[in-house]
Amino acid sequence: ELRVITRACAAPPVEMAKIDHLTNADTLLAYRHVTVRSP
């Protein structure tokens, strides 16, 4: 069983599973409120 606690309204601006700190630093920092969630 899967239950949604809070449904996201939009996909994240950066694909979280493919974040790479070595590239696109400005993009990662501009969306830091979301990208900081990465493992």
Full PDB file with SEQRES, HELIX, SHEET, SSBOND, CRYST1, ORIGX, SCALE, CONECT and MASTER records, all heavy atoms in Angstrom:
SEQRES   1 A   39  GLU LEU ARG VAL ILE THR ARG ALA CYS ALA ALA PRO PRO          
SEQRES   2 A   39  VAL GLU MET ALA LYS ILE ASP HIS LEU THR ASN ALA ASP          
SEQRES   3 A   39  THR LEU LEU ALA TYR ARG HIS VAL THR VAL ARG SER PRO          
HELIX    1 AA1 MET A   16  LYS A   18  5                                   3    
HELIX    2 AA2 ALA A   25  ALA A   30  1                                   6    
HELIX    3 AA3 ARG A   32  THR A   35  1                                   4    
CRYST1    1.000    1.000    1.000  90.00  90.00  90.00 P 1           1          
ORIGX1      1.000000  0.000000  0.000000        0.00000                         
ORIGX2      0.000000  1.000000  0.000000        0.00000                         
ORIGX3      0.000000  0.000000  1.000000        0.00000                         
SCALE1      1.000000  0.000000  0.000000        0.00000                         
SCALE2      0.000000  1.000000  0.000000        0.00000                         
SCALE3      0.000000  0.000000  1.000000        0.00000                         
ATOM      1  N   GLU A   1       0.840  -1.198   0.000  1.00  0.00           N  
ATOM      2  CA  GLU A   1       0.000   0.000   0.000  1.00  0.00           C  
ATOM      3  C   GLU A   1       0.871   1.241   0.000  1.00  0.00           C  
ATOM      4  O   GLU A   1       1.897   1.301   0.688  1.00  0.00           O  
ATOM      5  CB  GLU A   1      -0.925   0.020   1.217  1.00  0.00           C  
ATOM      6  CG  GLU A   1      -1.921   1.172   1.206  1.00  0.00           C  
ATOM      7  CD  GLU A   1      -2.889   1.134   2.363  1.00  0.00           C  
ATOM      8  OE1 GLU A   1      -2.825   0.183   3.171  1.00  0.00           O  
ATOM      9  OE2 GLU A   1      -3.720   2.069   2.479  1.00  0.00           O  
ATOM     10  N   LEU A   2       0.469   2.225  -0.793  1.00  0.00           N  
ATOM     11  CA  LEU A   2       1.152   3.517  -0.849  1.00  0.00           C  
ATOM     12  C   LEU A   2       0.154   4.608  -0.512  1.00  0.00           C  
ATOM     13  O   LEU A   2      -0.943   4.651  -1.082  1.00  0.00           O  
ATOM     14  CB  LEU A   2       1.756   3.757  -2.227  1.00  0.00           C  
ATOM     15  CG  LEU A   2       2.504   5.097  -2.417  1.00  0.00           C  
ATOM     16  CD1 LEU A   2       3.685   4.919  -3.351  1.00  0.00           C  
ATOM     17  CD2 LEU A   2       1.571   6.192  -2.975  1.00  0.00           C  
ATOM     18  N   ARG A   3       0.509   5.487   0.409  1.00  0.00           N  
ATOM     19  CA  ARG A   3      -0.335   6.618   0.784  1.00  0.00           C  
ATOM     20  C   ARG A   3       0.449   7.911   0.561  1.00  0.00           C  
ATOM     21  O   ARG A   3       1.605   8.024   0.984  1.00  0.00           O  
ATOM     22  CB  ARG A   3      -0.762   6.509   2.251  1.00  0.00           C  
ATOM     23  CG  ARG A   3      -1.674   5.336   2.547  1.00  0.00           C  
ATOM     24  CD  ARG A   3      -1.984   5.210   4.034  1.00  0.00           C  
ATOM     25  NE  ARG A   3      -0.803   4.849   4.813  1.00  0.00           N  
ATOM     26  CZ  ARG A   3      -0.362   3.587   4.958  1.00  0.00           C  
ATOM     27  NH1 ARG A   3      -0.996   2.577   4.350  1.00  0.00           N  
ATOM     28  NH2 ARG A   3       0.694   3.325   5.696  1.00  0.00           N  
ATOM     29  N   VAL A   4      -0.186   8.867  -0.100  1.00  0.00           N  
ATOM     30  CA  VAL A   4       0.449  10.167  -0.331  1.00  0.00           C  
ATOM     31  C   VAL A   4       0.189  11.059   0.874  1.00  0.00           C  
ATOM     32  O   VAL A   4      -0.964  11.294   1.253  1.00  0.00           O  
ATOM     33  CB  VAL A   4      -0.089  10.832  -1.611  1.00  0.00           C  
ATOM     34  CG1 VAL A   4       0.536  12.213  -1.787  1.00  0.00           C  
ATOM     35  CG2 VAL A   4       0.197   9.958  -2.826  1.00  0.00           C  
ATOM     36  N   ILE A   5       1.261  11.529   1.493  1.00  0.00           N  
ATOM     37  CA  ILE A   5       1.154  12.439   2.639  1.00  0.00           C  
ATOM     38  C   ILE A   5       1.002  13.880   2.134  1.00  0.00           C  
ATOM     39  O   ILE A   5       0.102  14.601   2.546  1.00  0.00           O  
ATOM     40  CB  ILE A   5       2.377  12.316   3.560  1.00  0.00           C  
ATOM     41  CG1 ILE A   5       2.475  10.890   4.116  1.00  0.00           C  
ATOM     42  CG2 ILE A   5       2.316  13.340   4.691  1.00  0.00           C  
ATOM     43  CD1 ILE A   5       3.755  10.613   4.881  1.00  0.00           C  
ATOM     44  N   THR A   6       1.906  14.287   1.257  1.00  0.00           N  
ATOM     45  CA  THR A   6       1.841  15.608   0.628  1.00  0.00           C  
ATOM     46  C   THR A   6       2.232  15.441  -0.835  1.00  0.00           C  
ATOM     47  O   THR A   6       3.344  15.001  -1.136  1.00  0.00           O  
ATOM     48  CB  THR A   6       2.799  16.623   1.301  1.00  0.00           C  
ATOM     49  OG1 THR A   6       2.562  16.640   2.701  1.00  0.00           O  
ATOM     50  CG2 THR A   6       2.607  18.013   0.726  1.00  0.00           C  
ATOM     51  N   ARG A   7       1.314  15.809  -1.741  1.00  0.00           N  
ATOM     52  CA  ARG A   7       1.564  15.620  -3.165  1.00  0.00           C  
ATOM     53  C   ARG A   7       2.328  16.809  -3.734  1.00  0.00           C  
ATOM     54  O   ARG A   7       1.949  17.968  -3.518  1.00  0.00           O  
ATOM     55  CB  ARG A   7       0.246  15.455  -3.909  1.00  0.00           C  
ATOM     56  CG  ARG A   7       0.394  14.991  -5.355  1.00  0.00           C  
ATOM     57  CD  ARG A   7      -0.974  14.777  -5.980  1.00  0.00           C  
ATOM     58  NE  ARG A   7      -1.737  13.750  -5.274  1.00  0.00           N  
ATOM     59  CZ  ARG A   7      -1.617  12.446  -5.516  1.00  0.00           C  
ATOM     60  NH1 ARG A   7      -0.736  12.016  -6.426  1.00  0.00           N  
ATOM     61  NH2 ARG A   7      -2.346  11.575  -4.834  1.00  0.00           N  
ATOM     62  N   ALA A   8       3.447  16.544  -4.423  1.00  0.00           N  
ATOM     63  CA  ALA A   8       4.186  17.604  -5.100  1.00  0.00           C  
ATOM     64  C   ALA A   8       3.339  18.190  -6.216  1.00  0.00           C  
ATOM     65  O   ALA A   8       2.653  17.456  -6.942  1.00  0.00           O  
ATOM     66  CB  ALA A   8       5.497  17.058  -5.660  1.00  0.00           C  
ATOM     67  N   CYS A   9       3.367  19.515  -6.352  1.00  0.00           N  
ATOM     68  CA  CYS A   9       2.582  20.194  -7.390  1.00  0.00           C  
ATOM     69  C   CYS A   9       3.298  20.219  -8.729  1.00  0.00           C  
ATOM     70  O   CYS A   9       2.667  20.392  -9.767  1.00  0.00           O  
ATOM     71  CB  CYS A   9       2.290  21.632  -6.959  1.00  0.00           C  
ATOM     72  SG  CYS A   9       1.392  21.766  -5.408  1.00  0.00           S  
ATOM     73  N   ALA A  10       4.620  20.093  -8.700  1.00  0.00           N  
ATOM     74  CA  ALA A  10       5.408  20.136  -9.939  1.00  0.00           C  
ATOM     75  C   ALA A  10       6.660  19.298  -9.741  1.00  0.00           C  
ATOM     76  O   ALA A  10       7.118  19.097  -8.616  1.00  0.00           O  
ATOM     77  CB  ALA A  10       5.782  21.581 -10.282  1.00  0.00           C  
ATOM     78  N   ALA A  11       7.195  18.809 -10.857  1.00  0.00           N  
ATOM     79  CA  ALA A  11       8.446  18.058 -10.797  1.00  0.00           C  
ATOM     80  C   ALA A  11       9.573  18.990 -10.372  1.00  0.00           C  
ATOM     81  O   ALA A  11       9.541  20.196 -10.661  1.00  0.00           O  
ATOM     82  CB  ALA A  11       8.751  17.439 -12.150  1.00  0.00           C  
ATOM     83  N   PRO A  12      10.606  18.483  -9.681  1.00  0.00           N  
ATOM     84  CA  PRO A  12      11.721  19.342  -9.268  1.00  0.00           C  
ATOM     85  C   PRO A  12      12.456  19.899 -10.483  1.00  0.00           C  
ATOM     86  O   PRO A  12      12.492  19.271 -11.540  1.00  0.00           O  
ATOM     87  CB  PRO A  12      12.609  18.407  -8.444  1.00  0.00           C  
ATOM     88  CG  PRO A  12      12.241  17.035  -8.880  1.00  0.00           C  
ATOM     89  CD  PRO A  12      10.796  17.082  -9.254  1.00  0.00           C  
ATOM     90  N   PRO A  13      13.049  21.087 -10.355  1.00  0.00           N  
ATOM     91  CA  PRO A  13      13.745  21.703 -11.492  1.00  0.00           C  
ATOM     92  C   PRO A  13      15.008  20.962 -11.907  1.00  0.00           C  
ATOM     93  O   PRO A  13      15.509  21.164 -13.009  1.00  0.00           O  
ATOM     94  CB  PRO A  13      14.081  23.107 -10.974  1.00  0.00           C  
ATOM     95  CG  PRO A  13      14.111  22.956  -9.484  1.00  0.00           C  
ATOM     96  CD  PRO A  13      13.082  21.929  -9.155  1.00  0.00           C  
ATOM     97  N   VAL A  14      15.523  20.137 -11.033  1.00  0.00           N  
ATOM     98  CA  VAL A  14      16.705  19.329 -11.313  1.00  0.00           C  
ATOM     99  C   VAL A  14      16.380  17.898 -10.935  1.00  0.00           C  
ATOM    100  O   VAL A  14      15.785  17.654  -9.883  1.00  0.00           O  
ATOM    101  CB  VAL A  14      17.924  19.820 -10.505  1.00  0.00           C  
ATOM    102  CG1 VAL A  14      19.138  18.936 -10.769  1.00  0.00           C  
ATOM    103  CG2 VAL A  14      18.255  21.269 -10.839  1.00  0.00           C  
ATOM    104  N   GLU A  15      16.737  16.941 -11.793  1.00  0.00           N  
ATOM    105  CA  GLU A  15      16.448  15.546 -11.472  1.00  0.00           C  
ATOM    106  C   GLU A  15      17.314  15.118 -10.294  1.00  0.00           C  
ATOM    107  O   GLU A  15      18.538  15.039 -10.399  1.00  0.00           O  
ATOM    108  CB  GLU A  15      16.705  14.657 -12.684  1.00  0.00           C  
ATOM    109  CG  GLU A  15      16.212  13.241 -12.485  1.00  0.00           C  
ATOM    110  CD  GLU A  15      16.214  12.422 -13.759  1.00  0.00           C  
ATOM    111  OE1 GLU A  15      16.439  12.992 -14.841  1.00  0.00           O  
ATOM    112  OE2 GLU A  15      16.009  11.197 -13.652  1.00  0.00           O  
ATOM    113  N   MET A  16      16.682  14.814  -9.184  1.00  0.00           N  
ATOM    114  CA  MET A  16      17.396  14.616  -7.936  1.00  0.00           C  
ATOM    115  C   MET A  16      18.366  13.441  -7.985  1.00  0.00           C  
ATOM    116  O   MET A  16      19.420  13.467  -7.356  1.00  0.00           O  
ATOM    117  CB  MET A  16      16.393  14.406  -6.800  1.00  0.00           C  
ATOM    118  CG  MET A  16      15.426  15.569  -6.622  1.00  0.00           C  
ATOM    119  SD  MET A  16      16.268  17.089  -6.160  1.00  0.00           S  
ATOM    120  CE  MET A  16      16.730  16.703  -4.487  1.00  0.00           C  
ATOM    121  N   ALA A  17      18.020  12.403  -8.723  1.00  0.00           N  
ATOM    122  CA  ALA A  17      18.868  11.209  -8.763  1.00  0.00           C  
ATOM    123  C   ALA A  17      20.125  11.411  -9.598  1.00  0.00           C  
ATOM    124  O   ALA A  17      21.010  10.551  -9.603  1.00  0.00           O  
ATOM    125  CB  ALA A  17      18.074  10.025  -9.306  1.00  0.00           C  
ATOM    126  N   LYS A  18      20.227  12.555 -10.301  1.00  0.00           N  
ATOM    127  CA  LYS A  18      21.372  12.758 -11.194  1.00  0.00           C  
ATOM    128  C   LYS A  18      22.154  14.025 -10.873  1.00  0.00           C  
ATOM    129  O   LYS A  18      22.878  14.547 -11.714  1.00  0.00           O  
ATOM    130  CB  LYS A  18      20.890  12.798 -12.649  1.00  0.00           C  
ATOM    131  CG  LYS A  18      20.258  11.495 -13.113  1.00  0.00           C  
ATOM    132  CD  LYS A  18      19.862  11.561 -14.576  1.00  0.00           C  
ATOM    133  CE  LYS A  18      19.259  10.229 -15.030  1.00  0.00           C  
ATOM    134  NZ  LYS A  18      18.857  10.249 -16.453  1.00  0.00           N  
ATOM    135  N   ILE A  19      21.990  14.522  -9.654  1.00  0.00           N  
ATOM    136  CA  ILE A  19      22.712  15.746  -9.280  1.00  0.00           C  
ATOM    137  C   ILE A  19      24.206  15.483  -9.247  1.00  0.00           C  
ATOM    138  O   ILE A  19      24.679  14.506  -8.675  1.00  0.00           O  
ATOM    139  CB  ILE A  19      22.217  16.263  -7.915  1.00  0.00           C  
ATOM    140  CG1 ILE A  19      20.847  16.919  -8.082  1.00  0.00           C  
ATOM    141  CG2 ILE A  19      23.205  17.239  -7.303  1.00  0.00           C  
ATOM    142  CD1 ILE A  19      20.252  17.422  -6.794  1.00  0.00           C  
ATOM    143  N   ASP A  20      24.961  16.368  -9.843  1.00  0.00           N  
ATOM    144  CA  ASP A  20      26.417  16.257  -9.882  1.00  0.00           C  
ATOM    145  C   ASP A  20      26.995  17.604  -9.505  1.00  0.00           C  
ATOM    146  O   ASP A  20      26.782  18.596 -10.190  1.00  0.00           O  
ATOM    147  CB  ASP A  20      26.879  15.854 -11.284  1.00  0.00           C  
ATOM    148  CG  ASP A  20      28.384  15.628 -11.374  1.00  0.00           C  
ATOM    149  OD1 ASP A  20      29.090  15.948 -10.401  1.00  0.00           O  
ATOM    150  OD2 ASP A  20      28.841  15.135 -12.409  1.00  0.00           O  
ATOM    151  N   HIS A  21      27.744  17.666  -8.404  1.00  0.00           N  
ATOM    152  CA  HIS A  21      28.295  18.936  -7.929  1.00  0.00           C  
ATOM    153  C   HIS A  21      29.402  19.481  -8.831  1.00  0.00           C  
ATOM    154  O   HIS A  21      29.821  20.611  -8.658  1.00  0.00           O  
ATOM    155  CB  HIS A  21      28.844  18.757  -6.512  1.00  0.00           C  
ATOM    156  CG  HIS A  21      27.771  18.710  -5.486  1.00  0.00           C  
ATOM    157  ND1 HIS A  21      28.025  18.817  -4.143  1.00  0.00           N  
ATOM    158  CD2 HIS A  21      26.438  18.577  -5.589  1.00  0.00           C  
ATOM    159  CE1 HIS A  21      26.898  18.752  -3.468  1.00  0.00           C  
ATOM    160  NE2 HIS A  21      25.931  18.596  -4.328  1.00  0.00           N  
ATOM    161  N   LEU A  22      29.862  18.685  -9.751  1.00  0.00           N  
ATOM    162  CA  LEU A  22      30.979  19.150 -10.569  1.00  0.00           C  
ATOM    163  C   LEU A  22      30.523  19.944 -11.779  1.00  0.00           C  
ATOM    164  O   LEU A  22      31.325  20.512 -12.497  1.00  0.00           O  
ATOM    165  CB  LEU A  22      31.831  17.953 -11.010  1.00  0.00           C  
ATOM    166  CG  LEU A  22      32.413  17.119  -9.867  1.00  0.00           C  
ATOM    167  CD1 LEU A  22      33.242  15.971 -10.424  1.00  0.00           C  
ATOM    168  CD2 LEU A  22      33.269  17.976  -8.952  1.00  0.00           C  
ATOM    169  N   THR A  23      29.216  19.960 -12.063  1.00  0.00           N  
ATOM    170  CA  THR A  23      28.706  20.680 -13.227  1.00  0.00           C  
ATOM    171  C   THR A  23      27.490  21.495 -12.835  1.00  0.00           C  
ATOM    172  O   THR A  23      26.794  21.211 -11.865  1.00  0.00           O  
ATOM    173  CB  THR A  23      28.314  19.705 -14.359  1.00  0.00           C  
ATOM    174  OG1 THR A  23      27.316  18.808 -13.851  1.00  0.00           O  
ATOM    175  CG2 THR A  23      29.515  18.908 -14.837  1.00  0.00           C  
ATOM    176  N   ASN A  24      27.222  22.542 -13.646  1.00  0.00           N  
ATOM    177  CA  ASN A  24      26.028  23.367 -13.455  1.00  0.00           C  
ATOM    178  C   ASN A  24      25.894  23.898 -12.025  1.00  0.00           C  
ATOM    179  O   ASN A  24      24.824  23.838 -11.419  1.00  0.00           O  
ATOM    180  CB  ASN A  24      24.767  22.582 -13.821  1.00  0.00           C  
ATOM    181  CG  ASN A  24      24.782  22.110 -15.256  1.00  0.00           C  
ATOM    182  OD1 ASN A  24      25.165  22.858 -16.147  1.00  0.00           O  
ATOM    183  ND2 ASN A  24      24.385  20.866 -15.481  1.00  0.00           N  
ATOM    184  N   ALA A  25      26.985  24.424 -11.498  1.00  0.00           N  
ATOM    185  CA  ALA A  25      26.960  24.909 -10.117  1.00  0.00           C  
ATOM    186  C   ALA A  25      25.924  25.997  -9.922  1.00  0.00           C  
ATOM    187  O   ALA A  25      25.196  26.014  -8.910  1.00  0.00           O  
ATOM    188  CB  ALA A  25      28.345  25.422  -9.728  1.00  0.00           C  
ATOM    189  N   ASP A  26      25.804  26.929 -10.866  1.00  0.00           N  
ATOM    190  CA  ASP A  26      24.848  28.030 -10.712  1.00  0.00           C  
ATOM    191  C   ASP A  26      23.415  27.521 -10.664  1.00  0.00           C  
ATOM    192  O   ASP A  26      22.590  28.018  -9.893  1.00  0.00           O  
ATOM    193  CB  ASP A  26      25.017  29.041 -11.847  1.00  0.00           C  
ATOM    194  CG  ASP A  26      26.289  29.858 -11.703  1.00  0.00           C  
ATOM    195  OD1 ASP A  26      26.797  29.964 -10.568  1.00  0.00           O  
ATOM    196  OD2 ASP A  26      26.781  30.391 -12.709  1.00  0.00           O  
ATOM    197  N   THR A  27      23.107  26.512 -11.497  1.00  0.00           N  
ATOM    198  CA  THR A  27      21.751  25.946 -11.488  1.00  0.00           C  
ATOM    199  C   THR A  27      21.467  25.266 -10.162  1.00  0.00           C  
ATOM    200  O   THR A  27      20.404  25.455  -9.554  1.00  0.00           O  
ATOM    201  CB  THR A  27      21.586  24.939 -12.634  1.00  0.00           C  
ATOM    202  OG1 THR A  27      21.787  25.611 -13.881  1.00  0.00           O  
ATOM    203  CG2 THR A  27      20.210  24.310 -12.611  1.00  0.00           C  
ATOM    204  N   LEU A  28      22.424  24.472  -9.684  1.00  0.00           N  
ATOM    205  CA  LEU A  28      22.227  23.762  -8.418  1.00  0.00           C  
ATOM    206  C   LEU A  28      22.044  24.735  -7.260  1.00  0.00           C  
ATOM    207  O   LEU A  28      21.232  24.504  -6.361  1.00  0.00           O  
ATOM    208  CB  LEU A  28      23.409  22.845  -8.147  1.00  0.00           C  
ATOM    209  CG  LEU A  28      23.571  21.669  -9.116  1.00  0.00           C  
ATOM    210  CD1 LEU A  28      24.864  20.915  -8.814  1.00  0.00           C  
ATOM    211  CD2 LEU A  28      22.385  20.726  -9.043  1.00  0.00           C  
ATOM    212  N   LEU A  29      22.785  25.849  -7.283  1.00  0.00           N  
ATOM    213  CA  LEU A  29      22.680  26.818  -6.199  1.00  0.00           C  
ATOM    214  C   LEU A  29      21.422  27.665  -6.316  1.00  0.00           C  
ATOM    215  O   LEU A  29      20.819  28.048  -5.310  1.00  0.00           O  
ATOM    216  CB  LEU A  29      23.924  27.702  -6.168  1.00  0.00           C  
ATOM    217  CG  LEU A  29      25.223  26.990  -5.767  1.00  0.00           C  
ATOM    218  CD1 LEU A  29      26.425  27.893  -5.976  1.00  0.00           C  
ATOM    219  CD2 LEU A  29      25.162  26.505  -4.328  1.00  0.00           C  
ATOM    220  N   ALA A  30      20.989  27.953  -7.544  1.00  0.00           N  
ATOM    221  CA  ALA A  30      19.770  28.738  -7.740  1.00  0.00           C  
ATOM    222  C   ALA A  30      18.553  27.995  -7.195  1.00  0.00           C  
ATOM    223  O   ALA A  30      17.605  28.607  -6.701  1.00  0.00           O  
ATOM    224  CB  ALA A  30      19.584  29.067  -9.211  1.00  0.00           C  
ATOM    225  N   TYR A  31      18.571  26.660  -7.298  1.00  0.00           N  
ATOM    226  CA  TYR A  31      17.461  25.838  -6.804  1.00  0.00           C  
ATOM    227  C   TYR A  31      17.861  25.079  -5.540  1.00  0.00           C  
ATOM    228  O   TYR A  31      17.389  23.982  -5.277  1.00  0.00           O  
ATOM    229  CB  TYR A  31      17.013  24.856  -7.881  1.00  0.00           C  
ATOM    230  CG  TYR A  31      16.453  25.523  -9.113  1.00  0.00           C  
ATOM    231  CD1 TYR A  31      17.184  25.576 -10.290  1.00  0.00           C  
ATOM    232  CD2 TYR A  31      15.195  26.121  -9.088  1.00  0.00           C  
ATOM    233  CE1 TYR A  31      16.672  26.198 -11.427  1.00  0.00           C  
ATOM    234  CE2 TYR A  31      14.674  26.743 -10.209  1.00  0.00           C  
ATOM    235  CZ  TYR A  31      15.422  26.778 -11.376  1.00  0.00           C  
ATOM    236  OH  TYR A  31      14.907  27.398 -12.488  1.00  0.00           O  
ATOM    237  N   ARG A  32      18.686  25.709  -4.731  1.00  0.00           N  
ATOM    238  CA  ARG A  32      19.251  25.050  -3.558  1.00  0.00           C  
ATOM    239  C   ARG A  32      18.177  24.589  -2.579  1.00  0.00           C  
ATOM    240  O   ARG A  32      18.359  23.599  -1.860  1.00  0.00           O  
ATOM    241  CB  ARG A  32      20.217  26.007  -2.865  1.00  0.00           C  
ATOM    242  CG  ARG A  32      21.041  25.408  -1.741  1.00  0.00           C  
ATOM    243  CD  ARG A  32      22.025  24.394  -2.243  1.00  0.00           C  
ATOM    244  NE  ARG A  32      23.002  24.042  -1.219  1.00  0.00           N  
ATOM    245  CZ  ARG A  32      23.763  22.957  -1.240  1.00  0.00           C  
ATOM    246  NH1 ARG A  32      23.653  22.113  -2.254  1.00  0.00           N  
ATOM    247  NH2 ARG A  32      24.628  22.716  -0.286  1.00  0.00           N  
ATOM    248  N   HIS A  33      17.035  25.266  -2.543  1.00  0.00           N  
ATOM    249  CA  HIS A  33      15.964  24.876  -1.621  1.00  0.00           C  
ATOM    250  C   HIS A  33      15.486  23.451  -1.908  1.00  0.00           C  
ATOM    251  O   HIS A  33      14.964  22.782  -1.008  1.00  0.00           O  
ATOM    252  CB  HIS A  33      14.791  25.850  -1.720  1.00  0.00           C  
ATOM    253  CG  HIS A  33      14.276  26.072  -3.110  1.00  0.00           C  
ATOM    254  ND1 HIS A  33      14.949  26.838  -4.022  1.00  0.00           N  
ATOM    255  CD2 HIS A  33      13.159  25.614  -3.722  1.00  0.00           C  
ATOM    256  CE1 HIS A  33      14.261  26.853  -5.157  1.00  0.00           C  
ATOM    257  NE2 HIS A  33      13.175  26.110  -5.005  1.00  0.00           N  
ATOM    258  N   VAL A  34      15.677  22.973  -3.148  1.00  0.00           N  
ATOM    259  CA  VAL A  34      15.309  21.607  -3.489  1.00  0.00           C  
ATOM    260  C   VAL A  34      16.541  20.720  -3.616  1.00  0.00           C  
ATOM    261  O   VAL A  34      16.570  19.597  -3.100  1.00  0.00           O  
ATOM    262  CB  VAL A  34      14.502  21.570  -4.807  1.00  0.00           C  
ATOM    263  CG1 VAL A  34      14.220  20.126  -5.227  1.00  0.00           C  
ATOM    264  CG2 VAL A  34      13.189  22.317  -4.640  1.00  0.00           C  
ATOM    265  N   THR A  35      17.590  21.213  -4.286  1.00  0.00           N  
ATOM    266  CA  THR A  35      18.756  20.364  -4.542  1.00  0.00           C  
ATOM    267  C   THR A  35      19.491  19.970  -3.270  1.00  0.00           C  
ATOM    268  O   THR A  35      20.211  18.961  -3.248  1.00  0.00           O  
ATOM    269  CB  THR A  35      19.734  21.052  -5.520  1.00  0.00           C  
ATOM    270  OG1 THR A  35      20.196  22.293  -4.958  1.00  0.00           O  
ATOM    271  CG2 THR A  35      19.056  21.325  -6.850  1.00  0.00           C  
ATOM    272  N   VAL A  36      19.321  20.744  -2.184  1.00  0.00           N  
ATOM    273  CA  VAL A  36      19.960  20.389  -0.919  1.00  0.00           C  
ATOM    274  C   VAL A  36      19.409  19.084  -0.356  1.00  0.00           C  
ATOM    275  O   VAL A  36      20.000  18.475   0.538  1.00  0.00           O  
ATOM    276  CB  VAL A  36      19.795  21.543   0.100  1.00  0.00           C  
ATOM    277  CG1 VAL A  36      18.377  21.602   0.647  1.00  0.00           C  
ATOM    278  CG2 VAL A  36      20.813  21.435   1.231  1.00  0.00           C  
ATOM    279  N   ARG A  37      18.277  18.604  -0.913  1.00  0.00           N  
ATOM    280  CA  ARG A  37      17.691  17.341  -0.459  1.00  0.00           C  
ATOM    281  C   ARG A  37      18.428  16.113  -0.987  1.00  0.00           C  
ATOM    282  O   ARG A  37      18.157  14.999  -0.541  1.00  0.00           O  
ATOM    283  CB  ARG A  37      16.241  17.247  -0.928  1.00  0.00           C  
ATOM    284  CG  ARG A  37      15.319  18.304  -0.383  1.00  0.00           C  
ATOM    285  CD  ARG A  37      13.910  18.073  -0.930  1.00  0.00           C  
ATOM    286  NE  ARG A  37      12.948  19.034  -0.406  1.00  0.00           N  
ATOM    287  CZ  ARG A  37      11.635  18.954  -0.634  1.00  0.00           C  
ATOM    288  NH1 ARG A  37      11.152  17.958  -1.359  1.00  0.00           N  
ATOM    289  NH2 ARG A  37      10.818  19.860  -0.123  1.00  0.00           N  
ATOM    290  N   SER A  38      19.311  16.280  -1.944  1.00  0.00           N  
ATOM    291  CA  SER A  38      19.946  15.124  -2.580  1.00  0.00           C  
ATOM    292  C   SER A  38      20.744  14.308  -1.559  1.00  0.00           C  
ATOM    293  O   SER A  38      21.252  14.856  -0.575  1.00  0.00           O  
ATOM    294  CB  SER A  38      20.883  15.579  -3.699  1.00  0.00           C  
ATOM    295  OG  SER A  38      22.056  16.163  -3.158  1.00  0.00           O  
ATOM    296  N   PRO A  39      20.872  12.990  -1.776  1.00  0.00           N  
ATOM    297  CA  PRO A  39      21.665  12.168  -0.851  1.00  0.00           C  
ATOM    298  C   PRO A  39      23.092  12.677  -0.680  1.00  0.00           C  
ATOM    299  O   PRO A  39      23.660  12.597   0.405  1.00  0.00           O  
ATOM    300  CB  PRO A  39      21.631  10.786  -1.505  1.00  0.00           C  
ATOM    301  CG  PRO A  39      20.355  10.768  -2.267  1.00  0.00           C  
ATOM    302  CD  PRO A  39      20.194  12.167  -2.794  1.00  0.00           C  
TER     303      PRO A  39                                                      
MASTER        0    0    0    3    0    0    0    6  302    1    0    3          
END                                                                             
